[in-house]
Amino acid sequence: MKYKTKTLVIGGGAIGICCAYYLHGLGKNVTVVDKDNICSGSSYGNAGLIVPSYSTPLAAPGVIFQGLKWMFNPESPFYIKPRFNRKLLSWLWQFRGACSENNVRKGLPILSGLSSASMELFDDLAALEEFNFGFEKNGIVELFNTQKGFQKGAKDAQRLQEYGIEHKILKKGELVQYTQGMRTVAVGGIFFPGDAHLVPDQFVGQLARHLENKGIQLLSSVEVLGFETSGRKVTTVKTTRGDISVEEVVLAGGSWSAEMARELKIKVLMEPAKGYSITYKRPPGFPSVPLAMAEAKVVLTPMSEMVRLAGTLELAGFDLSINKRRLHAILKAVPAYFPDIDTDALVLIEIWRVLRPCSPDGLPYLGRSRRYDTIIISTGHGMKGISLAPITGKIVAQLASGQTPAVDIEALSIERFD
């Protein structure tokens, strides 16, 4: 096949579909391609959290020390599969350097600003009659099983407060009110009223159907093989289904974006981080607010008729196999916080895993490359892909239209590690 489009979006997940949505809204002729099906990657089975409260970058002081304690334990929240790999070593070296107070001071206001702007766009989308993706602004409760964890969580929450992210400290006796009667053995908690959640595949799927109804082509099972360029322009995208002539490209392919960028001699330092989720039929009386188990790094999210457990961060390259010990660690966390929940008694719907694109400093890559005038790269959102999808899409559309972005993106430079 041979296609011609003015703007080609590579990637059919939340980021790519939101890019297409806002590009179309500014009058752009858009085509979307994905190597698999639309919404088959990170956007499908994640925790569905829209969380300004998660604005502290992954790379922060103390993470290296904690990571060293965890990294060789296959059941820990953070695990690195032992292997010699130059790209992994380069990523880890930059990650080590980014685990600093300076990185937090730089990254926190950026991520909180992006999150707040994205929340406003979610409000706008949820208000449209054609969309119903389980959007609920019930906040989130973070629970702590140790006094040390609780004290650190309270300190982190106070810092978030400086950037307008409200919170309420919950003593042990107050927790049952926020878990809506479900018993917990946590020693304390923090309620973030400004957070929200949704059903992620419904969100992406409904936006995708809206685009198709507007005449936008969404092409699945189209894998990008390479590019043809002329000077500072990308002119053709070569795929497994033939060549696509383009005037502009938006590269939003998640964990695979770095490999595609390398074809254009653009260095995007990124590691795929495997995460897992386990989805059950929602039992009667289950709380309507997401519950985060802080020390275990696991979250329990209610989603319409379902409830989803999600967590862990595993650096194992592009290995998509299911590590049963990692799943066991997620399941083991539940009774440690909620002794009355027996996961064996719940009706299982699906076990899922995915590779999330993580940059070394915990910030996305967003903007134009120095090398080309006609390519915009949007990737590296880590575990905040759903949270930041709408604002990312809007910024990409503004860049493509020659407008000044709604949020300052200088710190999100594509080549900041080159």
Protein backbone atom coordinates (compact mmCIF):
# COMPACT_ATOMS: atom_id res chain seq x y z
CA MET A 1 0.00 0.00 0.00
CA LYS A 2 1.00 3.63 -0.46
CA TYR A 3 -0.42 6.37 1.70
CA LYS A 4 -0.07 10.11 1.79
CA THR A 5 -0.87 12.23 4.82
CA LYS A 6 0.12 15.64 6.07
CA THR A 7 0.63 14.55 9.69
CA LEU A 8 1.43 10.98 10.67
CA VAL A 9 1.15 9.99 14.33
CA ILE A 10 3.18 6.86 15.13
CA GLY A 11 1.59 5.19 18.16
CA GLY A 12 -2.02 4.38 18.95
CA GLY A 13 -1.95 4.60 22.74
CA ALA A 14 -3.26 7.38 24.98
CA ILE A 15 -0.48 9.79 23.97
CA GLY A 16 -0.79 9.15 20.22
CA ILE A 17 -4.59 9.25 20.18
CA CYS A 18 -4.67 12.47 22.22
CA CYS A 19 -2.12 13.98 19.82
CA ALA A 20 -4.39 13.04 16.90
CA TYR A 21 -7.45 14.42 18.69
CA TYR A 22 -5.95 17.86 19.33
CA LEU A 23 -4.18 17.97 15.95
CA HIS A 24 -7.52 17.34 14.25
CA GLY A 25 -9.08 20.00 16.45
CA LEU A 26 -6.63 22.52 14.98
CA GLY A 27 -7.52 21.50 11.45
CA LYS A 28 -4.66 19.10 10.73
CA ASN A 29 -5.03 16.18 8.32
CA VAL A 30 -3.97 13.23 10.49
CA THR A 31 -3.30 9.50 10.12
CA VAL A 32 -2.43 7.23 13.06
CA VAL A 33 -0.46 3.97 12.78
CA ASP A 34 0.39 1.39 15.42
CA LYS A 35 2.43 -1.80 15.21
CA ASP A 36 -0.32 -3.61 17.11
CA ASN A 37 -3.96 -2.67 17.70
CA ILE A 38 -5.05 0.75 18.88
CA CYS A 39 -4.78 0.90 22.69
CA SER A 40 -3.03 -2.46 22.99
CA GLY A 41 0.04 -1.31 24.94
CA SER A 42 0.55 0.74 28.10
CA SER A 43 -2.82 2.45 27.70
CA TYR A 44 -4.90 -0.69 27.99
CA GLY A 45 -4.60 -2.27 31.45
CA ASN A 46 -2.92 0.33 33.63
CA ALA A 47 -4.16 1.67 36.98
CA GLY A 48 -6.18 4.43 35.30
CA LEU A 49 -4.95 7.11 37.69
CA ILE A 50 -4.95 10.84 36.93
CA VAL A 51 -2.68 11.95 39.71
CA PRO A 52 -1.21 15.42 40.24
CA SER A 53 -0.09 13.93 43.58
CA TYR A 54 2.40 11.75 41.68
CA SER A 55 4.37 14.79 40.49
CA THR A 56 7.64 13.98 42.26
CA PRO A 57 10.03 12.59 39.57
CA LEU A 58 10.96 8.92 39.77
CA ALA A 59 14.61 9.98 40.09
CA ALA A 60 14.82 11.53 43.56
CA PRO A 61 17.17 11.51 46.59
CA GLY A 62 17.28 8.13 48.36
CA VAL A 63 15.99 6.18 45.36
CA ILE A 64 19.43 4.80 44.49
CA PHE A 65 19.98 3.47 48.03
CA GLN A 66 16.50 1.94 48.15
CA GLY A 67 16.90 0.60 44.63
CA LEU A 68 20.16 -1.13 45.53
CA LYS A 69 18.36 -2.91 48.37
CA TRP A 70 15.56 -3.96 46.02
CA MET A 71 17.22 -4.50 42.68
CA PHE A 72 18.21 -8.15 43.10
CA ASN A 73 15.01 -9.20 44.85
CA PRO A 74 12.57 -10.49 42.17
CA GLU A 75 9.60 -9.66 44.43
CA SER A 76 10.60 -6.08 45.25
CA PRO A 77 8.72 -3.05 43.86
CA PHE A 78 11.79 -2.17 41.75
CA TYR A 79 13.74 -4.95 40.06
CA ILE A 80 16.54 -5.00 37.48
CA LYS A 81 17.03 -8.23 35.57
CA PRO A 82 20.79 -8.89 35.80
CA ARG A 83 22.40 -8.52 32.36
CA PHE A 84 25.20 -6.65 30.60
CA ASN A 85 23.68 -4.12 28.23
CA ARG A 86 25.35 -0.86 27.21
CA LYS A 87 22.10 1.04 26.77
CA LEU A 88 20.89 -0.08 30.21
CA LEU A 89 24.21 0.91 31.80
CA SER A 90 24.04 4.32 30.14
CA TRP A 91 20.47 4.78 31.39
CA LEU A 92 21.41 3.72 34.92
CA TRP A 93 24.37 6.12 34.93
CA GLN A 94 22.14 9.04 34.00
CA PHE A 95 19.47 7.86 36.46
CA ARG A 96 22.09 7.84 39.22
CA GLY A 97 23.01 11.42 38.39
CA ALA A 98 19.35 12.49 38.34
CA CYS A 99 18.55 11.10 41.80
CA SER A 100 19.17 14.48 43.36
CA GLU A 101 17.41 17.30 45.13
CA ASN A 102 18.14 19.49 42.11
CA ASN A 103 16.22 17.10 39.83
CA VAL A 104 13.23 17.18 42.16
CA ARG A 105 13.29 21.00 42.32
CA LYS A 106 13.40 21.10 38.53
CA GLY A 107 10.96 18.30 37.77
CA LEU A 108 8.24 18.66 40.38
CA PRO A 109 6.85 22.02 39.19
CA ILE A 110 6.96 20.80 35.59
CA LEU A 111 5.07 17.58 36.30
CA SER A 112 2.58 19.27 38.62
CA GLY A 113 1.93 21.98 36.03
CA LEU A 114 1.41 19.42 33.28
CA SER A 115 -0.84 17.33 35.54
CA SER A 116 -3.03 20.29 36.52
CA ALA A 117 -3.39 21.37 32.90
CA SER A 118 -4.22 17.80 31.89
CA MET A 119 -6.88 17.53 34.61
CA GLU A 120 -8.66 20.56 33.17
CA LEU A 121 -8.69 18.91 29.75
CA PHE A 122 -10.07 15.69 31.27
CA ASP A 123 -12.87 17.77 32.77
CA ASP A 124 -13.63 19.20 29.33
CA LEU A 125 -13.61 15.78 27.64
CA ALA A 126 -15.73 14.11 30.34
CA ALA A 127 -18.32 16.87 29.98
CA LEU A 128 -18.89 16.03 26.30
CA GLU A 129 -22.03 13.98 25.78
CA GLU A 130 -20.38 11.41 23.49
CA PHE A 131 -17.76 10.37 26.07
CA ASN A 132 -18.30 8.17 29.12
CA PHE A 133 -15.04 6.61 30.23
CA GLY A 134 -15.62 6.14 33.96
CA PHE A 135 -14.05 9.46 34.93
CA GLU A 136 -14.42 10.02 38.69
CA LYS A 137 -12.84 12.79 40.74
CA ASN A 138 -12.90 11.03 44.10
CA GLY A 139 -9.27 11.67 45.02
CA ILE A 140 -6.88 8.95 46.13
CA VAL A 141 -5.91 7.59 49.56
CA GLU A 142 -2.27 6.65 50.14
CA LEU A 143 -1.85 4.18 53.00
CA PHE A 144 1.29 3.45 55.05
CA ASN A 145 2.14 0.32 57.00
CA THR A 146 5.13 1.81 58.81
CA GLN A 147 5.66 4.98 60.81
CA LYS A 148 8.84 5.68 58.84
CA GLY A 149 6.94 5.49 55.56
CA PHE A 150 4.11 7.61 56.95
CA GLN A 151 6.51 10.33 58.10
CA LYS A 152 8.25 10.41 54.72
CA GLY A 153 4.89 10.48 52.93
CA ALA A 154 3.72 13.42 55.03
CA LYS A 155 6.96 15.30 54.27
CA ASP A 156 6.56 14.64 50.54
CA ALA A 157 2.91 15.74 50.67
CA GLN A 158 3.89 19.00 52.33
CA ARG A 159 6.27 19.69 49.46
CA LEU A 160 3.50 18.99 46.94
CA GLN A 161 1.32 21.48 48.83
CA GLU A 162 3.78 24.21 47.83
CA TYR A 163 2.75 23.58 44.22
CA GLY A 164 -0.98 23.71 44.89
CA ILE A 165 -1.56 19.96 45.36
CA GLU A 166 -3.85 19.72 48.39
CA HIS A 167 -3.75 16.88 50.88
CA LYS A 168 -5.11 15.80 54.25
CA ILE A 169 -3.14 13.76 56.78
CA LEU A 170 -5.22 10.86 58.12
CA LYS A 171 -4.63 9.29 61.51
CA LYS A 172 -5.24 5.59 61.96
CA GLY A 173 -8.74 6.11 63.39
CA GLU A 174 -9.77 8.24 60.38
CA LEU A 175 -8.80 5.72 57.72
CA VAL A 176 -11.98 3.65 57.81
CA GLN A 177 -13.99 6.72 56.79
CA TYR A 178 -11.91 7.09 53.64
CA THR A 179 -11.83 3.37 52.84
CA GLN A 180 -15.63 3.48 53.16
CA GLY A 181 -15.79 0.93 55.93
CA MET A 182 -13.14 -1.49 54.61
CA ARG A 183 -10.77 -2.46 57.42
CA THR A 184 -7.09 -1.62 57.08
CA VAL A 185 -4.13 -2.24 59.37
CA ALA A 186 -2.26 0.80 58.02
CA VAL A 187 -0.81 3.14 60.65
CA GLY A 188 -1.89 6.26 58.77
CA GLY A 189 -2.66 7.73 55.39
CA ILE A 190 -2.84 10.78 53.17
CA PHE A 191 -5.88 11.82 51.14
CA PHE A 192 -5.29 13.75 47.92
CA PRO A 193 -8.68 15.22 46.96
CA GLY A 194 -7.51 16.64 43.61
CA ASP A 195 -6.77 13.25 42.01
CA ALA A 196 -9.07 11.25 39.76
CA HIS A 197 -9.33 7.95 37.92
CA LEU A 198 -10.92 6.43 34.82
CA VAL A 199 -11.13 3.22 32.79
CA PRO A 200 -8.11 3.66 30.50
CA ASP A 201 -9.08 1.49 27.54
CA GLN A 202 -12.54 3.10 27.47
CA PHE A 203 -10.93 6.56 27.41
CA VAL A 204 -8.58 5.76 24.53
CA GLY A 205 -11.14 3.64 22.68
CA GLN A 206 -13.83 6.31 22.74
CA LEU A 207 -11.41 9.01 21.56
CA ALA A 208 -10.27 6.68 18.77
CA ARG A 209 -13.86 5.99 17.62
CA HIS A 210 -14.55 9.73 17.70
CA LEU A 211 -11.59 10.30 15.37
CA GLU A 212 -12.71 7.55 13.01
CA ASN A 213 -16.17 9.10 12.87
CA LYS A 214 -14.47 12.36 11.84
CA GLY A 215 -12.72 10.57 8.98
CA ILE A 216 -9.30 10.09 10.61
CA GLN A 217 -7.52 6.89 9.49
CA LEU A 218 -6.36 4.64 12.33
CA LEU A 219 -4.19 1.88 10.86
CA SER A 220 -3.30 -1.08 13.10
CA SER A 221 -0.63 -3.77 12.55
CA VAL A 222 1.58 -1.23 10.74
CA GLU A 223 5.16 -1.44 11.98
CA VAL A 224 7.63 1.34 11.19
CA LEU A 225 10.83 0.06 9.52
CA GLY A 226 12.62 3.30 8.74
CA PHE A 227 12.50 6.80 7.29
CA GLU A 228 13.50 8.71 4.20
CA THR A 229 14.70 12.27 4.68
CA SER A 230 15.58 15.29 2.58
CA GLY A 231 17.67 17.89 4.34
CA ARG A 232 15.91 18.76 7.59
CA LYS A 233 12.66 17.08 6.58
CA VAL A 234 11.30 13.58 7.03
CA THR A 235 9.55 12.83 3.73
CA THR A 236 8.61 9.14 3.91
CA VAL A 237 7.91 6.61 6.65
CA LYS A 238 8.68 3.06 5.54
CA THR A 239 6.40 0.43 7.11
CA THR A 240 5.51 -3.23 6.89
CA ARG A 241 2.45 -2.19 4.87
CA GLY A 242 4.29 0.10 2.47
CA ASP A 243 5.54 3.67 2.30
CA ILE A 244 3.68 6.65 3.75
CA SER A 245 4.47 10.10 2.32
CA VAL A 246 4.37 12.69 5.09
CA GLU A 247 4.81 16.39 5.72
CA GLU A 248 5.15 16.00 9.49
CA VAL A 249 5.63 13.10 11.92
CA VAL A 250 4.66 12.78 15.58
CA LEU A 251 6.65 9.97 17.18
CA ALA A 252 4.58 8.69 20.11
CA GLY A 253 5.43 5.00 20.08
CA GLY A 254 6.02 4.49 23.81
CA SER A 255 8.92 2.21 24.69
CA TRP A 256 9.67 1.61 21.00
CA SER A 257 10.15 5.34 20.27
CA ALA A 258 13.86 5.29 21.12
CA GLU A 259 14.58 2.59 18.52
CA MET A 260 12.67 4.52 15.85
CA ALA A 261 14.41 7.76 16.79
CA ARG A 262 17.76 5.99 16.42
CA GLU A 263 16.89 5.37 12.76
CA LEU A 264 16.92 9.16 12.42
CA LYS A 265 20.18 9.46 14.39
CA ILE A 266 18.29 11.06 17.28
CA LYS A 267 19.39 9.82 20.69
CA VAL A 268 16.50 9.29 23.11
CA LEU A 269 17.75 7.65 26.30
CA MET A 270 14.96 5.45 27.57
CA GLU A 271 14.32 2.07 29.19
CA PRO A 272 11.16 -0.03 28.97
CA ALA A 273 9.88 -0.64 32.51
CA LYS A 274 7.58 -3.62 32.86
CA GLY A 275 4.50 -3.23 35.00
CA TYR A 276 1.68 -5.64 35.86
CA SER A 277 -1.99 -5.45 36.63
CA ILE A 278 -4.57 -7.96 37.81
CA THR A 279 -8.23 -7.17 37.17
CA TYR A 280 -11.14 -8.71 39.06
CA LYS A 281 -14.89 -8.42 39.07
CA ARG A 282 -15.71 -5.71 41.58
CA PRO A 283 -17.17 -7.14 44.80
CA PRO A 284 -20.21 -5.47 46.44
CA GLY A 285 -19.43 -2.57 48.75
CA PHE A 286 -15.95 -1.97 47.41
CA PRO A 287 -14.69 1.62 47.98
CA SER A 288 -15.11 4.14 45.17
CA VAL A 289 -11.72 5.78 45.80
CA PRO A 290 -8.36 4.35 44.61
CA LEU A 291 -6.23 3.00 47.46
CA ALA A 292 -2.45 3.18 47.15
CA MET A 293 -0.33 0.85 49.30
CA ALA A 294 2.69 3.10 49.69
CA GLU A 295 5.51 0.81 50.80
CA ALA A 296 4.48 -1.96 48.40
CA LYS A 297 4.08 0.49 45.46
CA VAL A 298 0.76 -1.16 44.57
CA VAL A 299 -2.56 0.57 43.88
CA LEU A 300 -6.11 -0.77 43.99
CA THR A 301 -8.39 1.11 41.57
CA PRO A 302 -12.19 0.73 41.29
CA MET A 303 -13.29 0.83 37.63
CA SER A 304 -17.02 0.57 37.04
CA GLU A 305 -17.79 -3.17 37.39
CA MET A 306 -14.10 -4.03 37.91
CA VAL A 307 -11.35 -3.52 40.44
CA ARG A 308 -7.72 -3.47 39.33
CA LEU A 309 -4.46 -4.14 41.20
CA ALA A 310 -1.41 -2.59 39.55
CA GLY A 311 2.22 -2.09 40.40
CA THR A 312 5.94 -2.92 40.17
CA LEU A 313 8.71 -1.55 37.98
CA GLU A 314 10.93 -4.14 36.31
CA LEU A 315 13.83 -3.27 34.02
CA ALA A 316 14.16 -6.36 31.86
CA GLY A 317 14.55 -4.91 28.39
CA PHE A 318 11.78 -5.75 25.92
CA ASP A 319 11.01 -9.03 27.69
CA LEU A 320 7.19 -9.25 27.89
CA SER A 321 7.07 -12.61 29.68
CA ILE A 322 5.05 -12.79 32.90
CA ASN A 323 7.20 -13.15 35.99
CA LYS A 324 5.02 -15.07 38.45
CA ARG A 325 7.06 -13.89 41.42
CA ARG A 326 6.30 -10.29 40.47
CA LEU A 327 2.59 -11.10 40.33
CA HIS A 328 2.83 -12.84 43.69
CA ALA A 329 4.41 -9.71 45.19
CA ILE A 330 1.44 -7.61 44.06
CA LEU A 331 -1.08 -10.09 45.46
CA LYS A 332 0.88 -10.42 48.72
CA ALA A 333 0.63 -6.66 49.29
CA VAL A 334 -3.15 -6.69 49.59
CA PRO A 335 -3.63 -8.64 52.87
CA ALA A 336 -0.68 -6.73 54.35
CA TYR A 337 -2.88 -3.60 54.21
CA PHE A 338 -6.41 -5.05 53.93
CA PRO A 339 -6.62 -8.33 55.86
CA ASP A 340 -10.28 -8.89 54.96
CA ILE A 341 -9.62 -9.02 51.20
CA ASP A 342 -9.02 -12.56 49.92
CA THR A 343 -7.87 -12.20 46.32
CA ASP A 344 -8.34 -15.96 45.79
CA ALA A 345 -12.05 -15.45 46.40
CA LEU A 346 -12.37 -12.69 43.78
CA VAL A 347 -13.47 -13.42 40.21
CA LEU A 348 -10.43 -12.98 37.96
CA ILE A 349 -10.94 -11.13 34.69
CA GLU A 350 -7.40 -10.62 33.39
CA ILE A 351 -3.69 -10.67 34.19
CA TRP A 352 -1.79 -8.11 32.13
CA ARG A 353 1.70 -6.69 31.72
CA VAL A 354 3.19 -3.88 29.69
CA LEU A 355 6.38 -1.93 28.99
CA ARG A 356 6.27 1.70 30.10
CA PRO A 357 8.73 4.19 28.56
CA CYS A 358 10.94 5.66 31.29
CA SER A 359 13.50 8.43 30.95
CA PRO A 360 16.42 8.61 33.43
CA ASP A 361 15.20 11.81 35.12
CA GLY A 362 11.50 10.91 35.30
CA LEU A 363 10.43 13.63 32.85
CA PRO A 364 8.87 13.04 29.43
CA TYR A 365 10.54 13.83 26.13
CA LEU A 366 8.41 16.40 24.35
CA GLY A 367 9.30 18.72 21.49
CA ARG A 368 11.05 18.98 18.17
CA SER A 369 14.43 17.46 17.47
CA ARG A 370 17.38 19.71 16.70
CA ARG A 371 18.12 17.60 13.63
CA TYR A 372 14.77 17.84 11.82
CA ASP A 373 12.09 20.51 11.42
CA THR A 374 9.26 18.10 10.63
CA ILE A 375 9.31 15.61 13.51
CA ILE A 376 7.87 16.03 17.01
CA ILE A 377 8.77 13.43 19.63
CA SER A 378 6.43 12.66 22.52
CA THR A 379 7.43 9.75 24.75
CA GLY A 380 9.04 8.82 28.08
CA HIS A 381 5.97 9.48 30.24
CA GLY A 382 6.72 6.46 32.43
CA MET A 383 3.80 5.70 34.75
CA LYS A 384 2.04 9.00 34.01
CA GLY A 385 1.03 8.34 30.41
CA ILE A 386 -2.72 8.42 31.06
CA SER A 387 -2.37 11.36 33.46
CA LEU A 388 -0.49 13.51 30.98
CA ALA A 389 -2.03 12.34 27.69
CA PRO A 390 -4.45 15.24 27.05
CA ILE A 391 -2.00 18.05 27.80
CA THR A 392 0.69 16.25 25.81
CA GLY A 393 -1.66 15.99 22.84
CA LYS A 394 -2.55 19.67 23.11
CA ILE A 395 1.11 20.75 23.28
CA VAL A 396 1.99 18.60 20.25
CA ALA A 397 -0.88 20.17 18.30
CA GLN A 398 0.29 23.65 19.28
CA LEU A 399 3.86 22.87 18.21
CA ALA A 400 2.65 21.48 14.88
CA SER A 401 0.59 24.64 14.31
CA GLY A 402 3.41 27.04 15.15
CA GLN A 403 1.77 28.16 18.39
CA THR A 404 3.48 28.72 21.73
CA PRO A 405 2.78 25.66 23.92
CA ALA A 406 0.38 26.05 26.85
CA VAL A 407 3.14 24.86 29.22
CA ASP A 408 6.88 25.62 29.19
CA ILE A 409 8.59 22.49 27.82
CA GLU A 410 12.22 23.63 27.71
CA ALA A 411 13.23 21.07 30.37
CA LEU A 412 11.65 18.26 28.31
CA SER A 413 14.16 18.64 25.47
CA ILE A 414 14.60 15.54 23.30
CA GLU A 415 18.41 15.79 23.30
CA ARG A 416 18.97 16.65 26.97
CA PHE A 417 21.10 13.50 27.51
CA ASP A 418 22.89 13.68 24.16
